[in-house]
Amino acid sequence: MITVAIAEDHISLSDGLKLFLEQDPIIRVLYATSNGTEMMQRIENSLPDVVLTDISMPDMNGIELCKAIKKLRPTTKVIALSMFDNTGAIKDMLDAGADGYALKSSPLIHLRQAVKDVYEGKVYFDEHMTAQLEEIKSFKVKKNILSRSERDILISIARGLSSQDIAEERGTAISTVNKHRKNMIQKLGLSGKGELQQYAQEQHGHSN
């Protein structure tokens, strides 16, 4: 028996997915929650084999939830269930430890197969994501160019924070943040602050 939990703030989708998955005799949905915080509370008492999670949720998004689940029990499988099919969203979930990535627009039969695949130790990606997966190779090269601090600041830029806001949040000087901005622009081959903002939104805007 494969036990499953669903974190999805669209109740109709969550209910439909639960009903469909439980038509398979080897799958049992333990519970469904509307946000990541509630999911972690439930998981403390009953750990499922597979967690299906939306990326954009209130309180705790899917990326944060995936990290928390993997820290609690690395063997629990996590599948990102999202409308996002861009490179940044895929990359962030993979970095968080996700075992699969499925689109909400996919037929339910594909999502059921995703559950079975990751349970068996395979990695699942939606068949419509070939182009995005190819882009990840290029994206990871760029990611490795940036320092940890630069990557964190890039995420803050995607959240719409100013240099002053970022400096206060990180407890550092605004000149340090601006220096990181200039370094990122140079490393990524961008032309200025506007392109850096656009790049940050493209890669991390989904995690807000």
C-alpha atoms as a PDB file:
ATOM      1  CA  MET A   1       0.000   0.000   0.000  1.00  0.00           C
ATOM      2  CA  ILE A   2       1.296   3.446  -0.984  1.00  0.00           C
ATOM      3  CA  THR A   3       0.213   6.105   1.493  1.00  0.00           C
ATOM      4  CA  VAL A   4      -0.187   9.629   0.113  1.00  0.00           C
ATOM      5  CA  ALA A   5      -0.784  13.126   1.498  1.00  0.00           C
ATOM      6  CA  ILE A   6      -1.832  16.174  -0.538  1.00  0.00           C
ATOM      7  CA  ALA A   7      -0.987  19.824   0.164  1.00  0.00           C
ATOM      8  CA  GLU A   8      -3.098  21.959  -2.168  1.00  0.00           C
ATOM      9  CA  ASP A   9      -5.036  25.147  -1.467  1.00  0.00           C
ATOM     10  CA  HIS A  10      -7.539  24.549  -4.272  1.00  0.00           C
ATOM     11  CA  ILE A  11      -9.968  22.230  -2.516  1.00  0.00           C
ATOM     12  CA  SER A  12     -11.744  21.072  -5.687  1.00  0.00           C
ATOM     13  CA  LEU A  13      -8.459  19.908  -7.206  1.00  0.00           C
ATOM     14  CA  SER A  14      -7.390  18.272  -3.956  1.00  0.00           C
ATOM     15  CA  ASP A  15     -10.708  16.418  -3.596  1.00  0.00           C
ATOM     16  CA  GLY A  16     -10.693  15.307  -7.230  1.00  0.00           C
ATOM     17  CA  LEU A  17      -7.140  14.031  -6.983  1.00  0.00           C
ATOM     18  CA  LYS A  18      -7.919  12.160  -3.768  1.00  0.00           C
ATOM     19  CA  LEU A  19     -10.964  10.451  -5.269  1.00  0.00           C
ATOM     20  CA  PHE A  20      -9.053   9.454  -8.387  1.00  0.00           C
ATOM     21  CA  LEU A  21      -5.968   8.135  -6.598  1.00  0.00           C
ATOM     22  CA  GLU A  22      -8.032   6.015  -4.243  1.00  0.00           C
ATOM     23  CA  GLN A  23      -9.598   4.205  -7.184  1.00  0.00           C
ATOM     24  CA  ASP A  24      -6.278   2.378  -7.336  1.00  0.00           C
ATOM     25  CA  PRO A  25      -6.308  -0.454  -4.750  1.00  0.00           C
ATOM     26  CA  ILE A  26      -2.645   0.055  -3.799  1.00  0.00           C
ATOM     27  CA  ILE A  27      -2.958   3.795  -3.035  1.00  0.00           C
ATOM     28  CA  ARG A  28      -4.474   5.319   0.096  1.00  0.00           C
ATOM     29  CA  VAL A  29      -4.704   9.062   0.693  1.00  0.00           C
ATOM     30  CA  LEU A  30      -4.163   9.658   4.400  1.00  0.00           C
ATOM     31  CA  TYR A  31      -5.137  13.336   4.437  1.00  0.00           C
ATOM     32  CA  ALA A  32      -5.180  16.582   2.464  1.00  0.00           C
ATOM     33  CA  THR A  33      -4.318  20.073   3.714  1.00  0.00           C
ATOM     34  CA  SER A  34      -4.615  23.558   2.241  1.00  0.00           C
ATOM     35  CA  ASN A  35      -1.153  24.803   3.244  1.00  0.00           C
ATOM     36  CA  GLY A  36       2.318  23.635   4.160  1.00  0.00           C
ATOM     37  CA  THR A  37       2.113  24.541   7.842  1.00  0.00           C
ATOM     38  CA  GLU A  38      -0.939  22.348   8.348  1.00  0.00           C
ATOM     39  CA  MET A  39       0.744  19.562   6.390  1.00  0.00           C
ATOM     40  CA  MET A  40       3.782  19.586   8.705  1.00  0.00           C
ATOM     41  CA  GLN A  41       1.471  19.388  11.718  1.00  0.00           C
ATOM     42  CA  ARG A  42      -0.252  16.339  10.275  1.00  0.00           C
ATOM     43  CA  ILE A  43       3.008  14.716   9.200  1.00  0.00           C
ATOM     44  CA  GLU A  44       4.312  14.814  12.768  1.00  0.00           C
ATOM     45  CA  ASN A  45       1.702  12.208  13.677  1.00  0.00           C
ATOM     46  CA  SER A  46       1.481  10.236  10.438  1.00  0.00           C
ATOM     47  CA  LEU A  47       4.193  10.205   7.784  1.00  0.00           C
ATOM     48  CA  PRO A  48       2.997   9.227   4.283  1.00  0.00           C
ATOM     49  CA  ASP A  49       5.140   7.501   1.666  1.00  0.00           C
ATOM     50  CA  VAL A  50       4.493  10.239  -0.907  1.00  0.00           C
ATOM     51  CA  VAL A  51       3.527  13.894  -0.564  1.00  0.00           C
ATOM     52  CA  LEU A  52       1.974  15.810  -3.460  1.00  0.00           C
ATOM     53  CA  THR A  53       2.443  19.527  -2.893  1.00  0.00           C
ATOM     54  CA  ASP A  54       1.519  22.707  -4.699  1.00  0.00           C
ATOM     55  CA  ILE A  55       4.350  25.251  -4.940  1.00  0.00           C
ATOM     56  CA  SER A  56       2.392  28.465  -4.224  1.00  0.00           C
ATOM     57  CA  MET A  57       0.540  28.116  -0.933  1.00  0.00           C
ATOM     58  CA  PRO A  58      -0.127  30.445   2.012  1.00  0.00           C
ATOM     59  CA  ASP A  59       1.892  30.202   5.240  1.00  0.00           C
ATOM     60  CA  MET A  60       4.476  27.739   3.913  1.00  0.00           C
ATOM     61  CA  ASN A  61       5.014  27.244   0.188  1.00  0.00           C
ATOM     62  CA  GLY A  62       5.853  23.939  -1.496  1.00  0.00           C
ATOM     63  CA  ILE A  63       9.583  24.624  -1.628  1.00  0.00           C
ATOM     64  CA  GLU A  64       9.762  25.255   2.124  1.00  0.00           C
ATOM     65  CA  LEU A  65       7.489  22.271   2.784  1.00  0.00           C
ATOM     66  CA  CYS A  66       9.668  19.970   0.693  1.00  0.00           C
ATOM     67  CA  LYS A  67      12.789  21.037   2.598  1.00  0.00           C
ATOM     68  CA  ALA A  68      11.041  20.463   5.929  1.00  0.00           C
ATOM     69  CA  ILE A  69       9.779  17.012   4.920  1.00  0.00           C
ATOM     70  CA  LYS A  70      13.188  15.920   3.647  1.00  0.00           C
ATOM     71  CA  LYS A  71      14.806  17.121   6.883  1.00  0.00           C
ATOM     72  CA  LEU A  72      12.267  15.204   8.968  1.00  0.00           C
ATOM     73  CA  ARG A  73      12.433  12.010   6.905  1.00  0.00           C
ATOM     74  CA  PRO A  74      14.604  11.973   3.759  1.00  0.00           C
ATOM     75  CA  THR A  75      13.005   8.757   2.472  1.00  0.00           C
ATOM     76  CA  THR A  76       9.560  10.351   2.109  1.00  0.00           C
ATOM     77  CA  LYS A  77       8.985  11.134  -1.567  1.00  0.00           C
ATOM     78  CA  VAL A  78       7.803  14.580  -2.643  1.00  0.00           C
ATOM     79  CA  ILE A  79       6.161  15.498  -5.936  1.00  0.00           C
ATOM     80  CA  ALA A  80       5.710  19.150  -6.895  1.00  0.00           C
ATOM     81  CA  LEU A  81       2.224  19.708  -8.285  1.00  0.00           C
ATOM     82  CA  SER A  82       2.039  23.074  -9.988  1.00  0.00           C
ATOM     83  CA  MET A  83       0.896  25.286 -12.821  1.00  0.00           C
ATOM     84  CA  PHE A  84       4.486  26.498 -13.145  1.00  0.00           C
ATOM     85  CA  ASP A  85       6.564  24.847 -15.853  1.00  0.00           C
ATOM     86  CA  ASN A  86       9.439  27.346 -15.897  1.00  0.00           C
ATOM     87  CA  THR A  87      13.045  26.498 -15.221  1.00  0.00           C
ATOM     88  CA  GLY A  88      13.219  28.428 -11.963  1.00  0.00           C
ATOM     89  CA  ALA A  89      10.284  26.611 -10.375  1.00  0.00           C
ATOM     90  CA  ILE A  90      11.650  23.215 -11.362  1.00  0.00           C
ATOM     91  CA  LYS A  91      15.133  24.098 -10.178  1.00  0.00           C
ATOM     92  CA  ASP A  92      13.973  25.333  -6.777  1.00  0.00           C
ATOM     93  CA  MET A  93      11.947  22.187  -6.120  1.00  0.00           C
ATOM     94  CA  LEU A  94      14.817  19.949  -7.204  1.00  0.00           C
ATOM     95  CA  ASP A  95      17.179  21.878  -4.934  1.00  0.00           C
ATOM     96  CA  ALA A  96      14.694  21.360  -2.095  1.00  0.00           C
ATOM     97  CA  GLY A  97      14.883  17.605  -2.673  1.00  0.00           C
ATOM     98  CA  ALA A  98      11.745  16.904  -4.735  1.00  0.00           C
ATOM     99  CA  ASP A  99      11.521  13.501  -6.401  1.00  0.00           C
ATOM    100  CA  GLY A 100       9.128  14.549  -9.138  1.00  0.00           C
ATOM    101  CA  TYR A 101       7.438  17.469 -10.849  1.00  0.00           C
ATOM    102  CA  ALA A 102       3.961  17.233 -12.369  1.00  0.00           C
ATOM    103  CA  LEU A 103       1.748  19.865 -13.965  1.00  0.00           C
ATOM    104  CA  LYS A 104      -1.781  20.409 -12.681  1.00  0.00           C
ATOM    105  CA  SER A 105      -2.975  20.392 -16.276  1.00  0.00           C
ATOM    106  CA  SER A 106      -1.753  16.810 -16.741  1.00  0.00           C
ATOM    107  CA  PRO A 107      -4.286  13.977 -16.991  1.00  0.00           C
ATOM    108  CA  LEU A 108      -4.932  12.417 -13.569  1.00  0.00           C
ATOM    109  CA  ILE A 109      -3.662   9.098 -14.836  1.00  0.00           C
ATOM    110  CA  HIS A 110      -0.232  10.690 -15.231  1.00  0.00           C
ATOM    111  CA  LEU A 111      -0.294  11.983 -11.668  1.00  0.00           C
ATOM    112  CA  ARG A 112      -1.140   8.496 -10.442  1.00  0.00           C
ATOM    113  CA  GLN A 113       1.829   7.144 -12.375  1.00  0.00           C
ATOM    114  CA  ALA A 114       4.007   9.834 -10.817  1.00  0.00           C
ATOM    115  CA  VAL A 115       3.075   8.572  -7.353  1.00  0.00           C
ATOM    116  CA  LYS A 116       3.981   4.996  -8.284  1.00  0.00           C
ATOM    117  CA  ASP A 117       7.235   6.001  -9.985  1.00  0.00           C
ATOM    118  CA  VAL A 118       8.644   8.016  -7.092  1.00  0.00           C
ATOM    119  CA  TYR A 119       7.525   5.376  -4.584  1.00  0.00           C
ATOM    120  CA  GLU A 120       9.641   2.888  -6.519  1.00  0.00           C
ATOM    121  CA  GLY A 121      12.634   5.203  -6.335  1.00  0.00           C
ATOM    122  CA  LYS A 122      12.363   6.731  -9.786  1.00  0.00           C
ATOM    123  CA  VAL A 123      12.361  10.434 -10.635  1.00  0.00           C
ATOM    124  CA  TYR A 124       9.226  11.668 -12.390  1.00  0.00           C
ATOM    125  CA  PHE A 125       8.876  14.655 -14.691  1.00  0.00           C
ATOM    126  CA  ASP A 126       5.838  15.620 -16.714  1.00  0.00           C
ATOM    127  CA  GLU A 127       6.225  14.612 -20.348  1.00  0.00           C
ATOM    128  CA  HIS A 128       5.583  18.215 -21.443  1.00  0.00           C
ATOM    129  CA  MET A 129       8.623  19.500 -19.574  1.00  0.00           C
ATOM    130  CA  THR A 130      11.402  18.287 -21.876  1.00  0.00           C
ATOM    131  CA  ALA A 131      12.379  21.782 -22.991  1.00  0.00           C
ATOM    132  CA  GLN A 132      12.464  23.095 -19.422  1.00  0.00           C
ATOM    133  CA  LEU A 133      14.638  20.210 -18.261  1.00  0.00           C
ATOM    134  CA  GLU A 134      17.119  20.976 -21.006  1.00  0.00           C
ATOM    135  CA  GLU A 135      17.226  24.586 -19.827  1.00  0.00           C
ATOM    136  CA  ILE A 136      18.102  23.442 -16.300  1.00  0.00           C
ATOM    137  CA  LYS A 137      21.537  22.325 -17.473  1.00  0.00           C
ATOM    138  CA  SER A 138      22.296  25.883 -18.555  1.00  0.00           C
ATOM    139  CA  PHE A 139      20.626  27.345 -15.483  1.00  0.00           C
ATOM    140  CA  LYS A 140      22.678  25.232 -13.075  1.00  0.00           C
ATOM    141  CA  VAL A 141      25.865  26.482 -14.664  1.00  0.00           C
ATOM    142  CA  LYS A 142      24.726  30.054 -13.972  1.00  0.00           C
ATOM    143  CA  LYS A 143      23.626  29.137 -10.478  1.00  0.00           C
ATOM    144  CA  ASN A 144      27.048  27.749  -9.625  1.00  0.00           C
ATOM    145  CA  ILE A 145      28.602  31.049 -10.675  1.00  0.00           C
ATOM    146  CA  LEU A 146      26.783  32.885  -7.893  1.00  0.00           C
ATOM    147  CA  SER A 147      27.842  32.742  -4.252  1.00  0.00           C
ATOM    148  CA  ARG A 148      25.419  31.644  -1.552  1.00  0.00           C
ATOM    149  CA  SER A 149      24.909  35.250  -0.465  1.00  0.00           C
ATOM    150  CA  GLU A 150      24.238  36.318  -4.048  1.00  0.00           C
ATOM    151  CA  ARG A 151      21.659  33.566  -4.513  1.00  0.00           C
ATOM    152  CA  ASP A 152      19.894  34.591  -1.302  1.00  0.00           C
ATOM    153  CA  ILE A 153      19.862  38.234  -2.357  1.00  0.00           C
ATOM    154  CA  LEU A 154      18.516  37.252  -5.781  1.00  0.00           C
ATOM    155  CA  ILE A 155      15.554  35.596  -4.065  1.00  0.00           C
ATOM    156  CA  SER A 156      15.011  38.747  -1.988  1.00  0.00           C
ATOM    157  CA  ILE A 157      15.053  40.826  -5.184  1.00  0.00           C
ATOM    158  CA  ALA A 158      12.373  38.527  -6.613  1.00  0.00           C
ATOM    159  CA  ARG A 159      10.302  39.278  -3.504  1.00  0.00           C
ATOM    160  CA  GLY A 160      10.422  42.950  -4.481  1.00  0.00           C
ATOM    161  CA  LEU A 161      12.727  44.101  -1.691  1.00  0.00           C
ATOM    162  CA  SER A 162      14.932  47.164  -2.165  1.00  0.00           C
ATOM    163  CA  SER A 163      18.640  47.185  -1.351  1.00  0.00           C
ATOM    164  CA  GLN A 164      17.787  48.965   1.899  1.00  0.00           C
ATOM    165  CA  ASP A 165      15.186  46.307   2.776  1.00  0.00           C
ATOM    166  CA  ILE A 166      17.616  43.501   1.999  1.00  0.00           C
ATOM    167  CA  ALA A 167      20.388  45.117   4.039  1.00  0.00           C
ATOM    168  CA  GLU A 168      18.085  45.435   7.061  1.00  0.00           C
ATOM    169  CA  GLU A 169      16.824  41.868   6.676  1.00  0.00           C
ATOM    170  CA  ARG A 170      20.364  40.477   6.419  1.00  0.00           C
ATOM    171  CA  GLY A 171      21.854  42.783   9.045  1.00  0.00           C
ATOM    172  CA  THR A 172      24.479  44.132   6.681  1.00  0.00           C
ATOM    173  CA  ALA A 173      25.441  47.432   5.039  1.00  0.00           C
ATOM    174  CA  ILE A 174      23.516  48.653   2.010  1.00  0.00           C
ATOM    175  CA  SER A 175      26.846  49.067   0.216  1.00  0.00           C
ATOM    176  CA  THR A 176      27.439  45.321   0.621  1.00  0.00           C
ATOM    177  CA  VAL A 177      24.082  44.526  -0.962  1.00  0.00           C
ATOM    178  CA  ASN A 178      24.765  46.893  -3.849  1.00  0.00           C
ATOM    179  CA  LYS A 179      28.161  45.270  -4.364  1.00  0.00           C
ATOM    180  CA  HIS A 180      26.487  41.862  -4.586  1.00  0.00           C
ATOM    181  CA  ARG A 181      24.010  43.294  -7.096  1.00  0.00           C
ATOM    182  CA  LYS A 182      26.828  44.584  -9.294  1.00  0.00           C
ATOM    183  CA  ASN A 183      28.661  41.265  -9.066  1.00  0.00           C
ATOM    184  CA  MET A 184      25.542  39.340 -10.103  1.00  0.00           C
ATOM    185  CA  ILE A 185      24.912  41.636 -13.052  1.00  0.00           C
ATOM    186  CA  GLN A 186      28.453  41.036 -14.228  1.00  0.00           C
ATOM    187  CA  LYS A 187      28.482  37.272 -13.624  1.00  0.00           C
ATOM    188  CA  LEU A 188      25.126  36.719 -15.324  1.00  0.00           C
ATOM    189  CA  GLY A 189      25.958  38.953 -18.281  1.00  0.00           C
ATOM    190  CA  LEU A 190      23.083  41.348 -17.620  1.00  0.00           C
ATOM    191  CA  SER A 191      22.990  45.025 -18.573  1.00  0.00           C
ATOM    192  CA  GLY A 192      21.712  46.600 -15.363  1.00  0.00           C
ATOM    193  CA  LYS A 193      19.324  46.605 -12.386  1.00  0.00           C
ATOM    194  CA  GLY A 194      16.266  46.245 -14.588  1.00  0.00           C
ATOM    195  CA  GLU A 195      17.500  43.021 -16.183  1.00  0.00           C
ATOM    196  CA  LEU A 196      18.587  41.701 -12.783  1.00  0.00           C
ATOM    197  CA  GLN A 197      15.085  42.332 -11.434  1.00  0.00           C
ATOM    198  CA  GLN A 198      13.562  40.588 -14.448  1.00  0.00           C
ATOM    199  CA  TYR A 199      15.935  37.640 -14.093  1.00  0.00           C
ATOM    200  CA  ALA A 200      15.136  37.331 -10.393  1.00  0.00           C
ATOM    201  CA  GLN A 201      11.379  37.308 -11.114  1.00  0.00           C
ATOM    202  CA  GLU A 202      11.740  34.709 -13.859  1.00  0.00           C
ATOM    203  CA  GLN A 203      13.721  32.366 -11.646  1.00  0.00           C
ATOM    204  CA  HIS A 204      12.257  32.914  -8.188  1.00  0.00           C
ATOM    205  CA  GLY A 205       9.025  34.908  -8.515  1.00  0.00           C
ATOM    206  CA  HIS A 206       6.989  31.713  -8.130  1.00  0.00           C
ATOM    207  CA  SER A 207       8.307  31.093  -4.608  1.00  0.00           C
ATOM    208  CA  ASN A 208       6.787  34.248  -3.097  1.00  0.00           C
END
